[in-house]
């Protein structure tokens, strides 16, 4: 850590405060004067700069906001960077992601636009996440039977535990877990971004409870963790198989599955009708609400 002169820091801080006082609030507002923190419905976001990740239902939901200055970013982490820099006023995410992001940064909050008359219109397949499989995969029925063992209460409790991990809290045992087989009957290769907390992320040190090594060239020493990882671990264990996690960019997940490079996708992916034309999906293993993450 570099040392700086304390007096210089104090002077710089005073200067910044003076500039802020002189400029006043820079909070975005629409044509009616409503600021983003005052928005009560998605209609209140018109005229504001709202973004979403490209190739996701979030980007489709963005089209539901009239007269918005919309944009998309290729990676979810890019949205957070853009928000903090002021390039956008907010971005669409799912509620667990908002919990994770806002617990890690108290300068952020979120607007809970649930699937109702004031929020986004979304079907269960839009806001649910499921395991993606190659068309005609024999694993579908087996995995559905395994997912049926997990109650909605366990799904919620597991997500709470994962969000706790994201914020640096301690977890010693997951509510959804199974013993890994001593003699696996095969390998289940699962692809995910490893860049979408709390569903999946890259753990450089592997120190987080339940982290799994990332397989593949150039990934030695890296680990994955998150809700998707723990569900994948449970599925693989119940199938009697060894789990391998592969870190793959979002746009490359479906091609990787169709080519046979991986056996399944568990990446916070919604089983939308468009995707279902290319691949098969299991039943959903989590359902959430859409929100907009903003600066306080």
C-alpha atoms as a PDB file:
ATOM      1  CA  UNK A   1       0.000   0.000   0.000  1.00  0.00           C
ATOM      2  CA  UNK A   2       1.413   3.365  -1.006  1.00  0.00           C
ATOM      3  CA  UNK A   3       1.716   6.065   1.682  1.00  0.00           C
ATOM      4  CA  UNK A   4       0.365   9.552   1.082  1.00  0.00           C
ATOM      5  CA  UNK A   5       0.740  12.795   2.954  1.00  0.00           C
ATOM      6  CA  UNK A   6      -2.206  13.080   5.401  1.00  0.00           C
ATOM      7  CA  UNK A   7      -2.464  16.835   5.001  1.00  0.00           C
ATOM      8  CA  UNK A   8      -2.700  16.479   1.237  1.00  0.00           C
ATOM      9  CA  UNK A   9      -5.459  13.934   1.620  1.00  0.00           C
ATOM     10  CA  UNK A  10      -7.440  16.225   3.912  1.00  0.00           C
ATOM     11  CA  UNK A  11      -7.091  19.125   1.517  1.00  0.00           C
ATOM     12  CA  UNK A  12      -8.180  16.967  -1.412  1.00  0.00           C
ATOM     13  CA  UNK A  13     -11.182  15.740   0.542  1.00  0.00           C
ATOM     14  CA  UNK A  14     -12.192  19.292   1.411  1.00  0.00           C
ATOM     15  CA  UNK A  15     -11.870  20.315  -2.221  1.00  0.00           C
ATOM     16  CA  UNK A  16     -14.064  17.416  -3.344  1.00  0.00           C
ATOM     17  CA  UNK A  17     -16.723  18.323  -0.797  1.00  0.00           C
ATOM     18  CA  UNK A  18     -16.700  21.905  -1.971  1.00  0.00           C
ATOM     19  CA  UNK A  19     -17.104  20.846  -5.585  1.00  0.00           C
ATOM     20  CA  UNK A  20     -19.976  18.550  -4.704  1.00  0.00           C
ATOM     21  CA  UNK A  21     -21.696  21.296  -2.746  1.00  0.00           C
ATOM     22  CA  UNK A  22     -21.290  23.712  -5.635  1.00  0.00           C
ATOM     23  CA  UNK A  23     -22.554  21.310  -8.288  1.00  0.00           C
ATOM     24  CA  UNK A  24     -25.492  19.910  -6.335  1.00  0.00           C
ATOM     25  CA  UNK A  25     -27.041  16.482  -6.920  1.00  0.00           C
ATOM     26  CA  UNK A  26     -26.260  14.721 -10.190  1.00  0.00           C
ATOM     27  CA  UNK A  27     -28.902  12.045  -9.684  1.00  0.00           C
ATOM     28  CA  UNK A  28     -30.599  11.111 -12.950  1.00  0.00           C
ATOM     29  CA  UNK A  29     -34.200  12.141 -13.504  1.00  0.00           C
ATOM     30  CA  UNK A  30     -36.767  11.559 -16.222  1.00  0.00           C
ATOM     31  CA  UNK A  31     -38.738  14.194 -18.127  1.00  0.00           C
ATOM     32  CA  UNK A  32     -41.213  14.546 -15.232  1.00  0.00           C
ATOM     33  CA  UNK A  33     -38.462  15.275 -12.733  1.00  0.00           C
ATOM     34  CA  UNK A  34     -38.668  11.874 -11.006  1.00  0.00           C
ATOM     35  CA  UNK A  35     -35.249  10.746  -9.796  1.00  0.00           C
ATOM     36  CA  UNK A  36     -34.255   7.117 -10.132  1.00  0.00           C
ATOM     37  CA  UNK A  37     -34.279   6.553  -6.370  1.00  0.00           C
ATOM     38  CA  UNK A  38     -37.892   7.784  -6.315  1.00  0.00           C
ATOM     39  CA  UNK A  39     -39.023   5.398  -9.068  1.00  0.00           C
ATOM     40  CA  UNK A  40     -41.969   3.281  -7.931  1.00  0.00           C
ATOM     41  CA  UNK A  41     -42.732   1.562 -11.236  1.00  0.00           C
ATOM     42  CA  UNK A  42     -40.731   0.721 -14.328  1.00  0.00           C
ATOM     43  CA  UNK A  43     -42.648   3.519 -16.086  1.00  0.00           C
ATOM     44  CA  UNK A  44     -40.791   5.970 -13.843  1.00  0.00           C
ATOM     45  CA  UNK A  45     -37.518   4.920 -15.482  1.00  0.00           C
ATOM     46  CA  UNK A  46     -38.339   6.468 -18.853  1.00  0.00           C
ATOM     47  CA  UNK A  47     -35.608   8.715 -20.137  1.00  0.00           C
ATOM     48  CA  UNK A  48     -32.990   7.158 -17.877  1.00  0.00           C
ATOM     49  CA  UNK A  49     -29.936   5.146 -18.874  1.00  0.00           C
ATOM     50  CA  UNK A  50     -30.719   1.527 -18.012  1.00  0.00           C
ATOM     51  CA  UNK A  51     -28.656  -1.438 -19.184  1.00  0.00           C
ATOM     52  CA  UNK A  52     -28.676  -5.237 -19.185  1.00  0.00           C
ATOM     53  CA  UNK A  53     -26.433  -8.117 -20.137  1.00  0.00           C
ATOM     54  CA  UNK A  54     -26.640  -8.994 -23.823  1.00  0.00           C
ATOM     55  CA  UNK A  55     -28.163 -12.334 -24.759  1.00  0.00           C
ATOM     56  CA  UNK A  56     -30.239 -12.658 -21.573  1.00  0.00           C
ATOM     57  CA  UNK A  57     -33.894 -12.225 -20.650  1.00  0.00           C
ATOM     58  CA  UNK A  58     -32.773  -9.103 -18.793  1.00  0.00           C
ATOM     59  CA  UNK A  59     -32.124  -7.522 -22.192  1.00  0.00           C
ATOM     60  CA  UNK A  60     -35.630  -8.516 -23.319  1.00  0.00           C
ATOM     61  CA  UNK A  61     -37.097  -7.030 -20.125  1.00  0.00           C
ATOM     62  CA  UNK A  62     -35.288  -3.807 -20.935  1.00  0.00           C
ATOM     63  CA  UNK A  63     -37.624  -3.428 -23.916  1.00  0.00           C
ATOM     64  CA  UNK A  64     -40.569  -3.217 -21.514  1.00  0.00           C
ATOM     65  CA  UNK A  65     -39.421   0.211 -20.286  1.00  0.00           C
ATOM     66  CA  UNK A  66     -40.723   2.939 -22.594  1.00  0.00           C
ATOM     67  CA  UNK A  67     -38.412   5.696 -23.837  1.00  0.00           C
ATOM     68  CA  UNK A  68     -35.438   4.404 -21.857  1.00  0.00           C
ATOM     69  CA  UNK A  69     -31.863   5.059 -22.949  1.00  0.00           C
ATOM     70  CA  UNK A  70     -31.085   1.362 -23.181  1.00  0.00           C
ATOM     71  CA  UNK A  71     -27.774  -0.397 -23.708  1.00  0.00           C
ATOM     72  CA  UNK A  72     -26.334  -3.876 -23.288  1.00  0.00           C
ATOM     73  CA  UNK A  73     -22.962  -5.108 -22.089  1.00  0.00           C
ATOM     74  CA  UNK A  74     -21.347  -8.468 -22.897  1.00  0.00           C
ATOM     75  CA  UNK A  75     -20.324  -9.357 -19.333  1.00  0.00           C
ATOM     76  CA  UNK A  76     -22.277  -8.902 -16.125  1.00  0.00           C
ATOM     77  CA  UNK A  77     -19.249  -7.400 -14.376  1.00  0.00           C
ATOM     78  CA  UNK A  78     -19.184  -4.670 -17.027  1.00  0.00           C
ATOM     79  CA  UNK A  79     -22.607  -3.488 -15.855  1.00  0.00           C
ATOM     80  CA  UNK A  80     -21.372  -2.913 -12.324  1.00  0.00           C
ATOM     81  CA  UNK A  81     -18.361  -0.987 -13.609  1.00  0.00           C
ATOM     82  CA  UNK A  82     -20.572   1.156 -15.832  1.00  0.00           C
ATOM     83  CA  UNK A  83     -22.943   1.923 -12.956  1.00  0.00           C
ATOM     84  CA  UNK A  84     -20.165   2.950 -10.597  1.00  0.00           C
ATOM     85  CA  UNK A  85     -18.579   5.166 -13.247  1.00  0.00           C
ATOM     86  CA  UNK A  86     -21.871   6.936 -13.955  1.00  0.00           C
ATOM     87  CA  UNK A  87     -22.094   5.672 -17.544  1.00  0.00           C
ATOM     88  CA  UNK A  88     -25.521   4.210 -16.727  1.00  0.00           C
ATOM     89  CA  UNK A  89     -28.162   4.976 -14.097  1.00  0.00           C
ATOM     90  CA  UNK A  90     -29.012   1.362 -13.356  1.00  0.00           C
ATOM     91  CA  UNK A  91     -29.051  -2.170 -14.684  1.00  0.00           C
ATOM     92  CA  UNK A  92     -31.464  -5.072 -14.630  1.00  0.00           C
ATOM     93  CA  UNK A  93     -30.583  -8.067 -12.502  1.00  0.00           C
ATOM     94  CA  UNK A  94     -32.211 -10.757 -10.410  1.00  0.00           C
ATOM     95  CA  UNK A  95     -32.971 -10.258  -6.741  1.00  0.00           C
ATOM     96  CA  UNK A  96     -30.239 -12.588  -5.374  1.00  0.00           C
ATOM     97  CA  UNK A  97     -27.642 -10.781  -7.488  1.00  0.00           C
ATOM     98  CA  UNK A  98     -28.839  -7.469  -6.078  1.00  0.00           C
ATOM     99  CA  UNK A  99     -28.572  -8.769  -2.512  1.00  0.00           C
ATOM    100  CA  UNK A 100     -25.016  -9.930  -3.182  1.00  0.00           C
ATOM    101  CA  UNK A 101     -23.878  -6.746  -4.945  1.00  0.00           C
ATOM    102  CA  UNK A 102     -25.460  -4.371  -2.430  1.00  0.00           C
ATOM    103  CA  UNK A 103     -24.120  -6.231   0.604  1.00  0.00           C
ATOM    104  CA  UNK A 104     -20.632  -5.889  -0.839  1.00  0.00           C
ATOM    105  CA  UNK A 105     -21.006  -2.180  -1.684  1.00  0.00           C
ATOM    106  CA  UNK A 106     -23.119   0.070   0.543  1.00  0.00           C
ATOM    107  CA  UNK A 107     -23.155   2.804  -2.104  1.00  0.00           C
ATOM    108  CA  UNK A 108     -25.589   0.700  -4.127  1.00  0.00           C
ATOM    109  CA  UNK A 109     -29.207  -0.305  -3.663  1.00  0.00           C
ATOM    110  CA  UNK A 110     -31.937  -1.750  -5.866  1.00  0.00           C
ATOM    111  CA  UNK A 111     -35.517  -1.117  -6.938  1.00  0.00           C
ATOM    112  CA  UNK A 112     -37.663  -4.240  -6.378  1.00  0.00           C
ATOM    113  CA  UNK A 113     -39.785  -4.222  -9.533  1.00  0.00           C
ATOM    114  CA  UNK A 114     -41.460  -7.575  -9.048  1.00  0.00           C
ATOM    115  CA  UNK A 115     -43.556  -9.387 -11.619  1.00  0.00           C
ATOM    116  CA  UNK A 116     -46.760  -7.401 -11.043  1.00  0.00           C
ATOM    117  CA  UNK A 117     -48.645  -4.348 -12.307  1.00  0.00           C
ATOM    118  CA  UNK A 118     -45.812  -1.993 -11.317  1.00  0.00           C
ATOM    119  CA  UNK A 119     -42.925  -4.086 -12.554  1.00  0.00           C
ATOM    120  CA  UNK A 120     -41.730  -6.302 -15.349  1.00  0.00           C
ATOM    121  CA  UNK A 121     -43.938  -8.837 -17.071  1.00  0.00           C
ATOM    122  CA  UNK A 122     -42.219 -12.183 -16.829  1.00  0.00           C
ATOM    123  CA  UNK A 123     -43.231 -15.822 -17.024  1.00  0.00           C
ATOM    124  CA  UNK A 124     -41.869 -18.517 -14.666  1.00  0.00           C
ATOM    125  CA  UNK A 125     -39.559 -19.675 -17.446  1.00  0.00           C
ATOM    126  CA  UNK A 126     -38.213 -16.125 -17.773  1.00  0.00           C
ATOM    127  CA  UNK A 127     -37.282 -15.734 -14.112  1.00  0.00           C
ATOM    128  CA  UNK A 128     -36.551 -19.370 -13.307  1.00  0.00           C
ATOM    129  CA  UNK A 129     -33.215 -21.083 -13.878  1.00  0.00           C
ATOM    130  CA  UNK A 130     -32.750 -24.644 -15.091  1.00  0.00           C
ATOM    131  CA  UNK A 131     -30.049 -27.070 -16.193  1.00  0.00           C
ATOM    132  CA  UNK A 132     -29.468 -27.003 -19.934  1.00  0.00           C
ATOM    133  CA  UNK A 133     -28.887 -30.312 -21.715  1.00  0.00           C
ATOM    134  CA  UNK A 134     -28.267 -31.450 -25.261  1.00  0.00           C
ATOM    135  CA  UNK A 135     -31.430 -32.278 -27.199  1.00  0.00           C
ATOM    136  CA  UNK A 136     -32.624 -35.783 -26.325  1.00  0.00           C
ATOM    137  CA  UNK A 137     -30.251 -36.178 -23.371  1.00  0.00           C
ATOM    138  CA  UNK A 138     -31.048 -39.204 -21.209  1.00  0.00           C
ATOM    139  CA  UNK A 139     -29.942 -37.196 -18.169  1.00  0.00           C
ATOM    140  CA  UNK A 140     -33.036 -34.996 -18.214  1.00  0.00           C
ATOM    141  CA  UNK A 141     -35.407 -37.368 -16.424  1.00  0.00           C
ATOM    142  CA  UNK A 142     -32.728 -38.415 -13.927  1.00  0.00           C
ATOM    143  CA  UNK A 143     -31.855 -34.834 -13.062  1.00  0.00           C
ATOM    144  CA  UNK A 144     -35.519 -33.856 -12.770  1.00  0.00           C
ATOM    145  CA  UNK A 145     -36.015 -36.642 -10.234  1.00  0.00           C
ATOM    146  CA  UNK A 146     -33.031 -35.348  -8.250  1.00  0.00           C
ATOM    147  CA  UNK A 147     -34.215 -31.721  -8.383  1.00  0.00           C
ATOM    148  CA  UNK A 148     -37.638 -32.850  -7.139  1.00  0.00           C
ATOM    149  CA  UNK A 149     -35.945 -33.894  -3.892  1.00  0.00           C
ATOM    150  CA  UNK A 150     -35.091 -30.254  -3.130  1.00  0.00           C
ATOM    151  CA  UNK A 151     -37.904 -28.283  -1.508  1.00  0.00           C
ATOM    152  CA  UNK A 152     -38.600 -24.597  -2.281  1.00  0.00           C
ATOM    153  CA  UNK A 153     -37.618 -23.829   1.321  1.00  0.00           C
ATOM    154  CA  UNK A 154     -34.241 -25.493   0.793  1.00  0.00           C
ATOM    155  CA  UNK A 155     -33.737 -23.539  -2.440  1.00  0.00           C
ATOM    156  CA  UNK A 156     -34.322 -20.262  -0.596  1.00  0.00           C
ATOM    157  CA  UNK A 157     -32.142 -21.288   2.348  1.00  0.00           C
ATOM    158  CA  UNK A 158     -29.295 -22.325   0.041  1.00  0.00           C
ATOM    159  CA  UNK A 159     -29.434 -19.002  -1.778  1.00  0.00           C
ATOM    160  CA  UNK A 160     -29.270 -17.179   1.550  1.00  0.00           C
ATOM    161  CA  UNK A 161     -26.161 -19.186   2.436  1.00  0.00           C
ATOM    162  CA  UNK A 162     -24.556 -18.394  -0.912  1.00  0.00           C
ATOM    163  CA  UNK A 163     -25.243 -14.670  -0.527  1.00  0.00           C
ATOM    164  CA  UNK A 164     -23.685 -14.893   2.940  1.00  0.00           C
ATOM    165  CA  UNK A 165     -20.544 -16.375   1.340  1.00  0.00           C
ATOM    166  CA  UNK A 166     -20.475 -13.575  -1.225  1.00  0.00           C
ATOM    167  CA  UNK A 167     -20.457 -10.955   1.504  1.00  0.00           C
ATOM    168  CA  UNK A 168     -17.604 -12.630   3.393  1.00  0.00           C
ATOM    169  CA  UNK A 169     -19.746 -14.487   5.916  1.00  0.00           C
ATOM    170  CA  UNK A 170     -19.122 -18.010   7.142  1.00  0.00           C
ATOM    171  CA  UNK A 171     -20.938 -21.152   6.049  1.00  0.00           C
ATOM    172  CA  UNK A 172     -19.939 -24.573   7.362  1.00  0.00           C
ATOM    173  CA  UNK A 173     -22.617 -26.813   5.852  1.00  0.00           C
ATOM    174  CA  UNK A 174     -24.984 -26.315   2.924  1.00  0.00           C
ATOM    175  CA  UNK A 175     -28.655 -27.168   3.290  1.00  0.00           C
ATOM    176  CA  UNK A 176     -28.484 -28.931  -0.085  1.00  0.00           C
ATOM    177  CA  UNK A 177     -25.582 -31.378  -0.226  1.00  0.00           C
ATOM    178  CA  UNK A 178     -24.742 -35.037  -0.827  1.00  0.00           C
ATOM    179  CA  UNK A 179     -21.681 -37.207  -0.292  1.00  0.00           C
ATOM    180  CA  UNK A 180     -19.427 -37.438  -3.333  1.00  0.00           C
ATOM    181  CA  UNK A 181     -19.219 -41.024  -4.670  1.00  0.00           C
ATOM    182  CA  UNK A 182     -16.094 -42.966  -3.766  1.00  0.00           C
ATOM    183  CA  UNK A 183     -16.172 -44.797  -7.100  1.00  0.00           C
ATOM    184  CA  UNK A 184     -17.759 -42.476  -9.702  1.00  0.00           C
ATOM    185  CA  UNK A 185     -19.493 -44.110 -12.653  1.00  0.00           C
ATOM    186  CA  UNK A 186     -18.535 -41.265 -14.964  1.00  0.00           C
ATOM    187  CA  UNK A 187     -17.894 -37.519 -15.193  1.00  0.00           C
ATOM    188  CA  UNK A 188     -20.488 -34.760 -15.420  1.00  0.00           C
ATOM    189  CA  UNK A 189     -18.957 -31.766 -17.219  1.00  0.00           C
ATOM    190  CA  UNK A 190     -20.877 -28.598 -16.373  1.00  0.00           C
ATOM    191  CA  UNK A 191     -20.345 -25.215 -17.987  1.00  0.00           C
ATOM    192  CA  UNK A 192     -20.979 -21.773 -16.476  1.00  0.00           C
ATOM    193  CA  UNK A 193     -19.576 -18.244 -16.712  1.00  0.00           C
ATOM    194  CA  UNK A 194     -17.967 -18.248 -13.269  1.00  0.00           C
ATOM    195  CA  UNK A 195     -18.660 -14.499 -13.304  1.00  0.00           C
ATOM    196  CA  UNK A 196     -22.238 -14.048 -12.091  1.00  0.00           C
ATOM    197  CA  UNK A 197     -22.552 -13.776  -8.311  1.00  0.00           C
ATOM    198  CA  UNK A 198     -24.254 -15.296  -6.426  1.00  0.00           C
ATOM    199  CA  UNK A 199     -25.128 -17.926  -9.029  1.00  0.00           C
ATOM    200  CA  UNK A 200     -21.529 -18.649  -9.995  1.00  0.00           C
ATOM    201  CA  UNK A 201     -18.193 -16.908  -9.618  1.00  0.00           C
ATOM    202  CA  UNK A 202     -14.449 -17.499  -9.794  1.00  0.00           C
ATOM    203  CA  UNK A 203     -12.671 -18.017  -6.476  1.00  0.00           C
ATOM    204  CA  UNK A 204      -8.986 -17.396  -7.117  1.00  0.00           C
ATOM    205  CA  UNK A 205      -7.797 -18.882  -3.816  1.00  0.00           C
ATOM    206  CA  UNK A 206     -10.402 -21.625  -3.418  1.00  0.00           C
ATOM    207  CA  UNK A 207     -10.875 -20.512   0.175  1.00  0.00           C
ATOM    208  CA  UNK A 208     -14.667 -20.201   0.092  1.00  0.00           C
ATOM    209  CA  UNK A 209     -16.545 -23.136   1.572  1.00  0.00           C
ATOM    210  CA  UNK A 210     -17.577 -25.692  -1.042  1.00  0.00           C
ATOM    211  CA  UNK A 211     -15.455 -24.287  -3.896  1.00  0.00           C
ATOM    212  CA  UNK A 212     -14.774 -26.632  -6.834  1.00  0.00           C
ATOM    213  CA  UNK A 213     -11.646 -26.554  -9.043  1.00  0.00           C
ATOM    214  CA  UNK A 214     -12.239 -25.173 -12.535  1.00  0.00           C
ATOM    215  CA  UNK A 215     -11.203 -27.640 -15.216  1.00  0.00           C
ATOM    216  CA  UNK A 216      -9.710 -26.847 -18.597  1.00  0.00           C
ATOM    217  CA  UNK A 217      -6.565 -25.436 -20.126  1.00  0.00           C
ATOM    218  CA  UNK A 218      -5.214 -22.366 -18.347  1.00  0.00           C
ATOM    219  CA  UNK A 219      -7.530 -22.757 -15.350  1.00  0.00           C
ATOM    220  CA  UNK A 220      -5.132 -24.508 -12.995  1.00  0.00           C
ATOM    221  CA  UNK A 221      -5.396 -23.113  -9.462  1.00  0.00           C
ATOM    222  CA  UNK A 222      -8.777 -21.439 -10.060  1.00  0.00           C
ATOM    223  CA  UNK A 223     -12.011 -22.464  -8.342  1.00  0.00           C
ATOM    224  CA  UNK A 224     -15.720 -21.907  -8.865  1.00  0.00           C
ATOM    225  CA  UNK A 225     -18.426 -21.390  -6.286  1.00  0.00           C
ATOM    226  CA  UNK A 226     -22.013 -20.217  -6.124  1.00  0.00           C
ATOM    227  CA  UNK A 227     -25.578 -21.457  -6.174  1.00  0.00           C
ATOM    228  CA  UNK A 228     -25.170 -23.172  -9.552  1.00  0.00           C
ATOM    229  CA  UNK A 229     -21.991 -24.885  -8.359  1.00  0.00           C
ATOM    230  CA  UNK A 230     -23.652 -26.327  -5.274  1.00  0.00           C
ATOM    231  CA  UNK A 231     -26.658 -27.552  -7.268  1.00  0.00           C
ATOM    232  CA  UNK A 232     -24.286 -29.119  -9.812  1.00  0.00           C
ATOM    233  CA  UNK A 233     -22.368 -30.809  -6.978  1.00  0.00           C
ATOM    234  CA  UNK A 234     -25.589 -32.226  -5.592  1.00  0.00           C
ATOM    235  CA  UNK A 235     -26.752 -33.492  -8.991  1.00  0.00           C
ATOM    236  CA  UNK A 236     -23.404 -35.114  -9.796  1.00  0.00           C
ATOM    237  CA  UNK A 237     -23.215 -36.791  -6.382  1.00  0.00           C
ATOM    238  CA  UNK A 238     -26.744 -38.155  -6.659  1.00  0.00           C
ATOM    239  CA  UNK A 239     -25.949 -39.436 -10.166  1.00  0.00           C
ATOM    240  CA  UNK A 240     -22.876 -41.168  -8.764  1.00  0.00           C
ATOM    241  CA  UNK A 241     -20.632 -39.117 -11.035  1.00  0.00           C
ATOM    242  CA  UNK A 242     -17.531 -36.956 -10.658  1.00  0.00           C
ATOM    243  CA  UNK A 243     -18.148 -33.226 -11.224  1.00  0.00           C
ATOM    244  CA  UNK A 244     -16.015 -31.054 -13.478  1.00  0.00           C
ATOM    245  CA  UNK A 245     -16.720 -27.314 -13.798  1.00  0.00           C
ATOM    246  CA  UNK A 246     -15.763 -25.430 -16.956  1.00  0.00           C
ATOM    247  CA  UNK A 247     -15.594 -21.628 -17.155  1.00  0.00           C
ATOM    248  CA  UNK A 248     -17.149 -20.567 -20.479  1.00  0.00           C
ATOM    249  CA  UNK A 249     -18.267 -17.166 -21.759  1.00  0.00           C
ATOM    250  CA  UNK A 250     -22.038 -16.709 -21.810  1.00  0.00           C
ATOM    251  CA  UNK A 251     -22.411 -16.606 -25.605  1.00  0.00           C
ATOM    252  CA  UNK A 252     -20.331 -19.783 -25.944  1.00  0.00           C
ATOM    253  CA  UNK A 253     -22.293 -21.932 -23.486  1.00  0.00           C
ATOM    254  CA  UNK A 254     -24.905 -23.240 -25.931  1.00  0.00           C
ATOM    255  CA  UNK A 255     -22.342 -23.993 -28.680  1.00  0.00           C
ATOM    256  CA  UNK A 256     -20.158 -25.812 -26.112  1.00  0.00           C
ATOM    257  CA  UNK A 257     -23.105 -27.966 -25.083  1.00  0.00           C
ATOM    258  CA  UNK A 258     -24.206 -28.721 -28.625  1.00  0.00           C
ATOM    259  CA  UNK A 259     -20.652 -29.643 -29.653  1.00  0.00           C
ATOM    260  CA  UNK A 260     -20.285 -32.079 -26.754  1.00  0.00           C
ATOM    261  CA  UNK A 261     -17.535 -30.091 -25.016  1.00  0.00           C
ATOM    262  CA  UNK A 262     -19.728 -30.115 -21.880  1.00  0.00           C
ATOM    263  CA  UNK A 263     -22.632 -32.286 -20.731  1.00  0.00           C
ATOM    264  CA  UNK A 264     -24.745 -29.617 -19.055  1.00  0.00           C
ATOM    265  CA  UNK A 265     -25.145 -25.898 -18.410  1.00  0.00           C
ATOM    266  CA  UNK A 266     -25.831 -24.593 -14.905  1.00  0.00           C
ATOM    267  CA  UNK A 267     -25.308 -20.869 -15.254  1.00  0.00           C
ATOM    268  CA  UNK A 268     -28.328 -19.018 -13.919  1.00  0.00           C
ATOM    269  CA  UNK A 269     -29.872 -19.724 -17.327  1.00  0.00           C
ATOM    270  CA  UNK A 270     -33.600 -19.274 -17.873  1.00  0.00           C
ATOM    271  CA  UNK A 271     -35.377 -21.951 -19.940  1.00  0.00           C
ATOM    272  CA  UNK A 272     -36.867 -19.497 -22.416  1.00  0.00           C
ATOM    273  CA  UNK A 273     -38.788 -20.671 -25.472  1.00  0.00           C
ATOM    274  CA  UNK A 274     -36.047 -19.361 -27.765  1.00  0.00           C
ATOM    275  CA  UNK A 275     -33.332 -21.363 -26.016  1.00  0.00           C
ATOM    276  CA  UNK A 276     -35.577 -24.424 -25.793  1.00  0.00           C
ATOM    277  CA  UNK A 277     -35.519 -24.568 -29.590  1.00  0.00           C
ATOM    278  CA  UNK A 278     -31.795 -25.348 -29.383  1.00  0.00           C
ATOM    279  CA  UNK A 279     -31.403 -27.363 -26.186  1.00  0.00           C
ATOM    280  CA  UNK A 280     -33.459 -29.240 -23.604  1.00  0.00           C
ATOM    281  CA  UNK A 281     -34.005 -27.964 -20.072  1.00  0.00           C
ATOM    282  CA  UNK A 282     -34.710 -29.643 -16.780  1.00  0.00           C
ATOM    283  CA  UNK A 283     -37.299 -28.348 -14.345  1.00  0.00           C
ATOM    284  CA  UNK A 284     -36.276 -25.065 -12.702  1.00  0.00           C
ATOM    285  CA  UNK A 285     -34.137 -25.155  -9.575  1.00  0.00           C
ATOM    286  CA  UNK A 286     -34.664 -21.529  -8.542  1.00  0.00           C
ATOM    287  CA  UNK A 287     -37.094 -18.700  -9.341  1.00  0.00           C
ATOM    288  CA  UNK A 288     -36.514 -15.025  -8.650  1.00  0.00           C
ATOM    289  CA  UNK A 289     -37.766 -11.493  -9.300  1.00  0.00           C
ATOM    290  CA  UNK A 290     -36.255  -8.878 -11.572  1.00  0.00           C
ATOM    291  CA  UNK A 291     -34.876  -5.688 -10.026  1.00  0.00           C
ATOM    292  CA  UNK A 292     -32.886  -2.654 -11.119  1.00  0.00           C
ATOM    293  CA  UNK A 293     -29.584  -2.029  -9.321  1.00  0.00           C
ATOM    294  CA  UNK A 294     -28.825   1.682  -8.843  1.00  0.00           C
ATOM    295  CA  UNK A 295     -26.543   4.039  -6.931  1.00  0.00           C
ATOM    296  CA  UNK A 296     -27.968   5.417  -3.672  1.00  0.00           C
END
